[in-house]
C-alpha atoms as a PDB file:
ATOM      1  CA  MET A   1       0.695 -13.509  21.985  1.00  0.00           C
ATOM      2  CA  THR A   2      -0.319 -15.817  24.836  1.00  0.00           C
ATOM      3  CA  THR A   3       0.915 -16.246  28.385  1.00  0.00           C
ATOM      4  CA  SER A   4       0.857 -19.405  30.509  1.00  0.00           C
ATOM      5  CA  VAL A   5      -0.594 -18.683  33.918  1.00  0.00           C
ATOM      6  CA  ILE A   6       0.141 -21.365  36.530  1.00  0.00           C
ATOM      7  CA  GLY A   7      -1.337 -21.887  39.955  1.00  0.00           C
ATOM      8  CA  LEU A   8      -0.776 -24.550  42.602  1.00  0.00           C
ATOM      9  CA  PHE A   9      -3.753 -25.360  44.839  1.00  0.00           C
ATOM     10  CA  GLU A  10      -4.423 -27.502  47.871  1.00  0.00           C
ATOM     11  CA  SER A  11      -6.990 -29.787  46.214  1.00  0.00           C
ATOM     12  CA  GLY A  12      -8.563 -30.741  42.932  1.00  0.00           C
ATOM     13  CA  ALA A  13     -11.906 -29.327  44.061  1.00  0.00           C
ATOM     14  CA  ILE A  14     -10.378 -25.862  44.434  1.00  0.00           C
ATOM     15  CA  ALA A  15      -8.630 -26.243  41.081  1.00  0.00           C
ATOM     16  CA  LYS A  16     -11.971 -26.992  39.370  1.00  0.00           C
ATOM     17  CA  LYS A  17     -13.480 -23.843  40.883  1.00  0.00           C
ATOM     18  CA  VAL A  18     -10.534 -21.857  39.527  1.00  0.00           C
ATOM     19  CA  LEU A  19     -11.175 -23.252  36.034  1.00  0.00           C
ATOM     20  CA  GLY A  20     -14.805 -22.213  36.286  1.00  0.00           C
ATOM     21  CA  GLU A  21     -13.920 -18.648  37.211  1.00  0.00           C
ATOM     22  CA  LEU A  22     -11.270 -18.435  34.485  1.00  0.00           C
ATOM     23  CA  ALA A  23     -13.820 -19.593  31.928  1.00  0.00           C
ATOM     24  CA  LYS A  24     -16.199 -16.842  33.048  1.00  0.00           C
ATOM     25  CA  ALA A  25     -13.339 -14.344  32.606  1.00  0.00           C
ATOM     26  CA  GLY A  26     -12.932 -15.348  28.964  1.00  0.00           C
ATOM     27  CA  CYS A  27     -10.326 -18.145  29.031  1.00  0.00           C
ATOM     28  CA  LYS A  28     -11.025 -20.934  26.547  1.00  0.00           C
ATOM     29  CA  LYS A  29     -11.780 -24.327  28.104  1.00  0.00           C
ATOM     30  CA  ASP A  30      -9.500 -26.163  25.697  1.00  0.00           C
ATOM     31  CA  ALA A  31      -6.625 -23.873  26.767  1.00  0.00           C
ATOM     32  CA  MET A  32      -6.849 -24.869  30.467  1.00  0.00           C
ATOM     33  CA  GLU A  33      -5.923 -28.068  32.259  1.00  0.00           C
ATOM     34  CA  ILE A  34      -5.543 -29.575  35.736  1.00  0.00           C
ATOM     35  CA  LEU A  35      -2.586 -31.801  36.595  1.00  0.00           C
ATOM     36  CA  GLN A  36      -3.330 -34.051  39.550  1.00  0.00           C
ATOM     37  CA  ASP A  37      -2.404 -37.644  40.359  1.00  0.00           C
ATOM     38  CA  VAL A  38      -0.222 -37.916  37.243  1.00  0.00           C
ATOM     39  CA  PRO A  39       3.384 -39.162  36.879  1.00  0.00           C
ATOM     40  CA  THR A  40       6.262 -36.873  37.774  1.00  0.00           C
ATOM     41  CA  ASP A  41       7.763 -36.813  34.282  1.00  0.00           C
ATOM     42  CA  LYS A  42       4.469 -35.702  32.720  1.00  0.00           C
ATOM     43  CA  ILE A  43       4.258 -32.725  35.097  1.00  0.00           C
ATOM     44  CA  SER A  44       7.876 -31.671  34.620  1.00  0.00           C
ATOM     45  CA  ASP A  45       7.680 -32.040  30.819  1.00  0.00           C
ATOM     46  CA  ARG A  46       4.539 -29.887  30.694  1.00  0.00           C
ATOM     47  CA  LEU A  47       6.169 -27.159  32.807  1.00  0.00           C
ATOM     48  CA  LEU A  48       9.279 -27.247  30.616  1.00  0.00           C
ATOM     49  CA  GLU A  49       7.035 -26.641  27.602  1.00  0.00           C
ATOM     50  CA  VAL A  50       5.705 -23.392  29.071  1.00  0.00           C
ATOM     51  CA  GLY A  51       9.194 -22.094  29.920  1.00  0.00           C
ATOM     52  CA  TYR A  52      10.025 -23.318  33.437  1.00  0.00           C
ATOM     53  CA  GLU A  53      13.620 -24.176  34.277  1.00  0.00           C
ATOM     54  CA  GLU A  54      14.287 -27.875  34.753  1.00  0.00           C
ATOM     55  CA  ASP A  55      15.005 -27.764  38.502  1.00  0.00           C
ATOM     56  CA  LYS A  56      11.899 -25.683  39.217  1.00  0.00           C
ATOM     57  CA  ALA A  57       9.701 -27.913  37.069  1.00  0.00           C
ATOM     58  CA  GLN A  58      11.001 -30.963  38.918  1.00  0.00           C
ATOM     59  CA  ARG A  59      10.291 -29.263  42.262  1.00  0.00           C
ATOM     60  CA  TYR A  60       6.622 -28.776  41.325  1.00  0.00           C
ATOM     61  CA  ALA A  61       6.414 -32.357  40.046  1.00  0.00           C
ATOM     62  CA  ASP A  62       7.824 -33.793  43.299  1.00  0.00           C
ATOM     63  CA  VAL A  63       5.487 -31.754  45.483  1.00  0.00           C
ATOM     64  CA  LEU A  64       2.416 -32.804  43.466  1.00  0.00           C
ATOM     65  CA  GLN A  65       3.181 -36.434  44.238  1.00  0.00           C
ATOM     66  CA  LYS A  66       2.302 -35.656  47.868  1.00  0.00           C
ATOM     67  CA  GLY A  67      -0.934 -33.804  47.121  1.00  0.00           C
ATOM     68  CA  GLY A  68      -2.486 -30.731  45.596  1.00  0.00           C
ATOM     69  CA  ALA A  69      -3.442 -29.851  42.029  1.00  0.00           C
ATOM     70  CA  LEU A  70      -1.774 -27.704  39.369  1.00  0.00           C
ATOM     71  CA  VAL A  71      -3.752 -25.421  37.031  1.00  0.00           C
ATOM     72  CA  ILE A  72      -2.195 -24.325  33.725  1.00  0.00           C
ATOM     73  CA  ALA A  73      -4.108 -21.767  31.648  1.00  0.00           C
ATOM     74  CA  GLU A  74      -3.071 -20.335  28.282  1.00  0.00           C
ATOM     75  CA  THR A  75      -4.482 -16.830  27.898  1.00  0.00           C
ATOM     76  CA  ASP A  76      -3.879 -13.650  25.913  1.00  0.00           C
ATOM     77  CA  ASP A  77      -1.196 -11.340  27.291  1.00  0.00           C
ATOM     78  CA  ASP A  78      -3.730  -8.624  28.114  1.00  0.00           C
ATOM     79  CA  LYS A  79      -5.782 -11.101  30.196  1.00  0.00           C
ATOM     80  CA  ALA A  80      -2.871 -12.659  32.108  1.00  0.00           C
ATOM     81  CA  ASP A  81      -3.076 -10.243  35.056  1.00  0.00           C
ATOM     82  CA  ASP A  82      -6.795 -10.955  35.475  1.00  0.00           C
ATOM     83  CA  ALA A  83      -6.087 -14.689  35.471  1.00  0.00           C
ATOM     84  CA  LEU A  84      -3.427 -14.224  38.178  1.00  0.00           C
ATOM     85  CA  VAL A  85      -5.826 -12.218  40.317  1.00  0.00           C
ATOM     86  CA  THR A  86      -8.438 -14.973  39.955  1.00  0.00           C
ATOM     87  CA  MET A  87      -5.967 -17.660  41.047  1.00  0.00           C
ATOM     88  CA  ARG A  88      -4.828 -15.623  44.045  1.00  0.00           C
ATOM     89  CA  ARG A  89      -8.422 -15.234  45.176  1.00  0.00           C
ATOM     90  CA  PHE A  90      -8.479 -19.014  45.547  1.00  0.00           C
ATOM     91  CA  ASP A  91      -5.248 -19.018  47.577  1.00  0.00           C
ATOM     92  CA  ALA A  92      -2.655 -20.129  45.027  1.00  0.00           C
ATOM     93  CA  LEU A  93       0.314 -21.707  46.842  1.00  0.00           C
ATOM     94  CA  SER A  94       4.034 -22.098  46.315  1.00  0.00           C
ATOM     95  CA  PRO A  95       5.415 -25.664  46.505  1.00  0.00           C
ATOM     96  CA  GLU A  96       6.763 -24.978  49.994  1.00  0.00           C
ATOM     97  CA  ALA A  97       3.447 -23.527  51.149  1.00  0.00           C
ATOM     98  CA  LEU A  98       1.610 -26.572  49.790  1.00  0.00           C
ATOM     99  CA  LEU A  99       3.905 -28.884  51.730  1.00  0.00           C
ATOM    100  CA  GLU A 100       3.231 -26.869  54.893  1.00  0.00           C
ATOM    101  CA  ARG A 101      -0.511 -26.974  54.202  1.00  0.00           C
ATOM    102  CA  ILE A 102      -0.430 -30.752  53.730  1.00  0.00           C
ATOM    103  CA  GLY A 103       1.624 -31.177  56.937  1.00  0.00           C
ATOM    104  CA  SER A 104      -0.572 -28.829  58.973  1.00  0.00           C
ATOM    105  CA  GLY A 105      -3.642 -30.770  57.847  1.00  0.00           C
ATOM    106  CA  LYS A 106      -2.285 -33.922  59.525  1.00  0.00           C
ATOM    107  CA  GLU A 107      -1.494 -32.019  62.711  1.00  0.00           C
ATOM    108  CA  GLU A 108      -5.015 -30.580  62.858  1.00  0.00           C
ATOM    109  CA  GLU A 109      -6.402 -34.088  63.271  1.00  0.00           C
ATOM    110  CA  GLU A 110      -4.491 -34.431  66.554  1.00  0.00           C
ATOM    111  CA  ALA A 111      -4.798 -30.866  67.894  1.00  0.00           C
ATOM    112  CA  GLU A 112      -7.970 -29.503  69.354  1.00  0.00           C
ATOM    113  CA  GLU A 113      -7.719 -26.099  67.652  1.00  0.00           C
ATOM    114  CA  THR A 114      -5.148 -24.680  65.262  1.00  0.00           C
ATOM    115  CA  GLU A 115      -5.033 -21.384  63.423  1.00  0.00           C
ATOM    116  CA  SER A 116      -2.377 -20.533  60.890  1.00  0.00           C
ATOM    117  CA  ALA A 117      -1.262 -17.696  58.638  1.00  0.00           C
ATOM    118  CA  GLN A 118       0.949 -17.942  55.625  1.00  0.00           C
ATOM    119  CA  VAL A 119       4.036 -16.091  54.582  1.00  0.00           C
ATOM    120  CA  ILE A 120       3.570 -15.695  50.836  1.00  0.00           C
ATOM    121  CA  GLU A 121       6.211 -14.408  48.469  1.00  0.00           C
ATOM    122  CA  GLU A 122       5.817 -13.996  44.733  1.00  0.00           C
ATOM    123  CA  GLU A 123       8.557 -15.008  42.361  1.00  0.00           C
ATOM    124  CA  LEU A 124       9.178 -13.302  39.033  1.00  0.00           C
ATOM    125  CA  GLU A 125       9.071 -16.013  36.414  1.00  0.00           C
ATOM    126  CA  VAL A 126      10.587 -15.069  33.082  1.00  0.00           C
ATOM    127  CA  GLY A 127      10.111 -17.279  30.052  1.00  0.00           C
ATOM    128  CA  LYS A 128      10.752 -16.916  26.357  1.00  0.00           C
ATOM    129  CA  ALA A 129       8.281 -16.770  23.496  1.00  0.00           C
ATOM    130  CA  GLN A 130       9.131 -16.895  19.823  1.00  0.00           C
ATOM    131  CA  ILE A 131       7.987 -14.095  17.533  1.00  0.00           C
ATOM    132  CA  THR A 132       8.131 -14.900  13.853  1.00  0.00           C
ATOM    133  CA  GLY A 133       8.598 -12.293  11.174  1.00  0.00           C
ATOM    134  CA  GLY A 134      10.911 -11.672   8.240  1.00  0.00           C
ATOM    135  CA  LYS A 135      10.738 -10.557   4.636  1.00  0.00           C
ATOM    136  CA  ARG A 136       8.993 -12.139   1.669  1.00  0.00           C
ATOM    137  CA  LEU A 137      10.031 -11.802  -1.970  1.00  0.00           C
ATOM    138  CA  LYS A 138       7.191 -11.719  -4.492  1.00  0.00           C
ATOM    139  CA  THR A 139       7.682 -11.438  -8.227  1.00  0.00           C
ATOM    140  CA  SER A 140       5.163  -9.690 -10.450  1.00  0.00           C
ATOM    141  CA  VAL A 141       5.023  -9.196 -14.226  1.00  0.00           C
ATOM    142  CA  SER A 142       4.050  -5.877 -15.805  1.00  0.00           C
ATOM    143  CA  GLU A 143       3.874  -4.741 -19.415  1.00  0.00           C
ATOM    144  CA  HIS A 144       4.637  -1.376 -20.994  1.00  0.00           C
ATOM    145  CA  GLU A 145       4.786  -0.117 -24.561  1.00  0.00           C
ATOM    146  CA  VAL A 146       8.238   0.404 -26.134  1.00  0.00           C
ATOM    147  CA  GLN A 147       8.763   2.321 -29.412  1.00  0.00           C
ATOM    148  CA  GLU A 148      11.890   2.235 -31.557  1.00  0.00           C
ATOM    149  CA  ARG A 149      12.551   4.014 -34.909  1.00  0.00           C
ATOM    150  CA  VAL A 150      14.090   1.995 -37.751  1.00  0.00           C
ATOM    151  CA  THR A 151      14.974   3.032 -41.336  1.00  0.00           C
ATOM    152  CA  LEU A 152      13.774   0.564 -43.991  1.00  0.00           C
ATOM    153  CA  LEU A 153      15.128   0.278 -47.564  1.00  0.00           C
ATOM    154  CA  GLU A 154      12.460   0.185 -50.239  1.00  0.00           C
ATOM    155  CA  GLU A 155      12.928  -0.340 -53.990  1.00  0.00           C
ATOM    156  CA  SER A 156      10.219  -0.065 -56.662  1.00  0.00           C
ATOM    157  CA  VAL A 157      10.209  -0.899 -60.371  1.00  0.00           C
ATOM    158  CA  GLU A 158       8.104   1.201 -62.698  1.00  0.00           C
ATOM    159  CA  ALA A 159       7.300   0.617 -66.344  1.00  0.00           C
ATOM    160  CA  GLU A 160       7.283   3.732 -68.545  1.00  0.00           C
ATOM    161  CA  ARG A 161       6.133   3.854 -72.176  1.00  0.00           C
ATOM    162  CA  ASN A 162       7.811   6.435 -74.445  1.00  0.00           C
ATOM    163  CA  ARG A 163       6.593   7.090 -77.998  1.00  0.00           C
ATOM    164  CA  VAL A 164       9.456   6.559 -80.547  1.00  0.00           C
ATOM    165  CA  ASP A 165       9.532   6.955 -84.313  1.00  0.00           C
ATOM    166  CA  ARG A 166      12.747   5.276 -85.515  1.00  0.00           C
ATOM    167  CA  VAL A 167      13.320   3.159 -88.642  1.00  0.00           C
ATOM    168  CA  LEU A 168      15.153  -0.148 -88.065  1.00  0.00           C
ATOM    169  CA  LYS A 169      17.758  -1.423 -90.393  1.00  0.00           C
ATOM    170  CA  PRO A 170      17.116  -4.859 -91.943  1.00  0.00           C
ATOM    171  CA  GLU A 171      19.589  -6.638 -89.614  1.00  0.00           C
ATOM    172  CA  GLU A 172      18.085  -4.857 -86.593  1.00  0.00           C
ATOM    173  CA  ALA A 173      14.604  -5.880 -87.595  1.00  0.00           C
ATOM    174  CA  ASP A 174      15.612  -9.547 -87.707  1.00  0.00           C
ATOM    175  CA  ARG A 175      16.890  -9.329 -84.151  1.00  0.00           C
ATOM    176  CA  ALA A 176      13.976  -7.228 -82.952  1.00  0.00           C
ATOM    177  CA  PHE A 177      11.259  -9.722 -83.764  1.00  0.00           C
ATOM    178  CA  GLN A 178      12.297 -12.252 -81.107  1.00  0.00           C
ATOM    179  CA  GLU A 179      10.513 -13.359 -77.935  1.00  0.00           C
ATOM    180  CA  ARG A 180      12.361 -12.599 -74.733  1.00  0.00           C
ATOM    181  CA  THR A 181      11.705 -11.727 -71.111  1.00  0.00           C
ATOM    182  CA  ILE A 182      13.235  -8.830 -69.276  1.00  0.00           C
ATOM    183  CA  GLU A 183      13.041  -8.738 -65.467  1.00  0.00           C
ATOM    184  CA  MET A 184      14.083  -6.186 -62.884  1.00  0.00           C
ATOM    185  CA  THR A 185      13.849  -7.169 -59.183  1.00  0.00           C
ATOM    186  CA  GLU A 186      12.681  -4.739 -56.556  1.00  0.00           C
ATOM    187  CA  THR A 187      13.489  -5.134 -52.809  1.00  0.00           C
ATOM    188  CA  ARG A 188      11.643  -3.879 -49.737  1.00  0.00           C
ATOM    189  CA  GLU A 189      12.666  -4.190 -46.079  1.00  0.00           C
ATOM    190  CA  LYS A 190      10.111  -4.835 -43.343  1.00  0.00           C
ATOM    191  CA  PRO A 191      10.602  -4.540 -39.551  1.00  0.00           C
ATOM    192  CA  VAL A 192      11.240  -7.763 -37.610  1.00  0.00           C
ATOM    193  CA  VAL A 193      10.695  -7.661 -33.815  1.00  0.00           C
ATOM    194  CA  SER A 194      12.264 -10.143 -31.410  1.00  0.00           C
ATOM    195  CA  LYS A 195      12.611 -10.178 -27.604  1.00  0.00           C
ATOM    196  CA  GLN A 196      15.497 -11.195 -25.369  1.00  0.00           C
ATOM    197  CA  ALA A 197      15.388 -11.316 -21.563  1.00  0.00           C
ATOM    198  CA  HIS A 198      18.189  -9.686 -19.554  1.00  0.00           C
ATOM    199  CA  VAL A 199      18.713  -9.914 -15.763  1.00  0.00           C
ATOM    200  CA  VAL A 200      19.141  -6.346 -14.541  1.00  0.00           C
ATOM    201  CA  GLU A 201      18.897  -6.822 -10.745  1.00  0.00           C
ATOM    202  CA  GLU A 202      18.923  -9.626  -8.173  1.00  0.00           C
ATOM    203  CA  VAL A 203      17.420  -9.476  -4.653  1.00  0.00           C
ATOM    204  CA  VAL A 204      18.841 -11.932  -2.096  1.00  0.00           C
ATOM    205  CA  LEU A 205      17.404 -12.760   1.342  1.00  0.00           C
ATOM    206  CA  THR A 206      20.028 -13.495   4.009  1.00  0.00           C
ATOM    207  CA  LYS A 207      19.279 -14.595   7.585  1.00  0.00           C
ATOM    208  CA  HIS A 208      21.653 -13.449  10.347  1.00  0.00           C
ATOM    209  CA  THR A 209      21.481 -15.235  13.686  1.00  0.00           C
ATOM    210  CA  GLY A 210      22.712 -13.693  16.940  1.00  0.00           C
ATOM    211  CA  GLU A 211      21.912 -13.338  20.619  1.00  0.00           C
ATOM    212  CA  ARG A 212      21.055 -10.379  22.783  1.00  0.00           C
ATOM    213  CA  GLU A 213      20.558  -9.958  26.490  1.00  0.00           C
ATOM    214  CA  VAL A 214      17.677  -7.985  27.941  1.00  0.00           C
ATOM    215  CA  THR A 215      16.816  -7.081  31.510  1.00  0.00           C
ATOM    216  CA  VAL A 216      13.283  -7.953  32.568  1.00  0.00           C
ATOM    217  CA  SER A 217      11.835  -6.246  35.620  1.00  0.00           C
ATOM    218  CA  GLY A 218       8.586  -6.718  37.473  1.00  0.00           C
ATOM    219  CA  THR A 219       6.958  -6.108  40.813  1.00  0.00           C
ATOM    220  CA  VAL A 220       6.456  -9.028  43.194  1.00  0.00           C
ATOM    221  CA  ARG A 221       4.553  -9.053  46.452  1.00  0.00           C
ATOM    222  CA  ARG A 222       5.304 -10.660  49.817  1.00  0.00           C
ATOM    223  CA  GLN A 223       2.931 -11.290  52.643  1.00  0.00           C
ATOM    224  CA  ASP A 224       4.610 -11.467  56.071  1.00  0.00           C
ATOM    225  CA  VAL A 225       3.178 -12.676  59.356  1.00  0.00           C
ATOM    226  CA  THR A 226       3.792 -10.662  62.539  1.00  0.00           C
ATOM    227  CA  VAL A 227       3.220 -12.290  65.920  1.00  0.00           C
ATOM    228  CA  GLU A 228       1.904  -9.943  68.647  1.00  0.00           C
ATOM    229  CA  ASP A 229       0.880 -10.538  72.235  1.00  0.00           C
ATOM    230  CA  ILE A 230      -2.694  -9.709  73.137  1.00  0.00           C
ATOM    231  CA  ASP A 231      -3.194  -7.874  76.443  1.00  0.00           C
ATOM    232  CA  ARG A 232      -5.341  -9.909  78.819  1.00  0.00           C
ATOM    233  CA  LYS A 233      -8.348  -8.141  80.319  1.00  0.00           C
ATOM    234  CA  SER A 234     -10.355  -9.354  83.324  1.00  0.00           C
ATOM    235  CA  SER A 235     -14.111  -9.549  82.980  1.00  0.00           C
ATOM    236  CA  GLY A 236     -16.746  -9.586  85.793  1.00  0.00           C
ATOM    237  CA  SER A 237     -19.930  -8.022  87.063  1.00  0.00           C
ATOM    238  CA  LYS A 238     -20.320  -5.204  89.528  1.00  0.00           C
ATOM    239  CA  VAL A 239     -22.758  -5.547  92.448  1.00  0.00           C
ATOM    240  CA  ARG A 240     -24.430  -2.617  94.099  1.00  0.00           C
ATOM    241  CA  GLU A 241     -26.242  -2.864  97.360  1.00  0.00           C
ATOM    242  CA  ALA A 242     -29.335  -0.864  97.902  1.00  0.00           C
END
């Protein structure tokens, strides 16, 4: 599984440095991109692809029309935290923080000296990823030996010669000396094997579609800025007379 890690930065130069560090951490170059100076609809469509809600994607797209650069990196789930840490090291901004940074940059041109600190708050972004699975039916053919007993009818004709000493009467002798053929048919049965296929079981795959709700929790951080007064101390040199 992969996770889309997104970071908003003040300039394209910073975004390129982020890509270099992510590549060193193992992210593939063809799985990373920088969106800068591109149309609003292209930015919002890309963010919708990775799971952003429409209003949030449009917010990022509108802010990028005023400046900044957006880094999108596709990385393995187990490397996502490292990618986030890398982006935060380069001061990843929220859209509101980027607008403040762009506005403060214009004010710095007029002011003699300006120092600023940021209030940074993380947001838990929950997207959805599809996991494919299921069941596969595979048919296979096997053979096994089957034996059946069958009773076969068998007839046989045998010729037997018996010695006889009998005197024929004249009328019997006339009939006896005639050519003729005598036949007796014998019958034998032999086994005949045939096969017939029978369906004995049927396996059916059925897909059931439903919805379920889950609660996703995570830990987000917030950086606050506290304003304190600094006690003023007088400085000077002490003089001692000899």
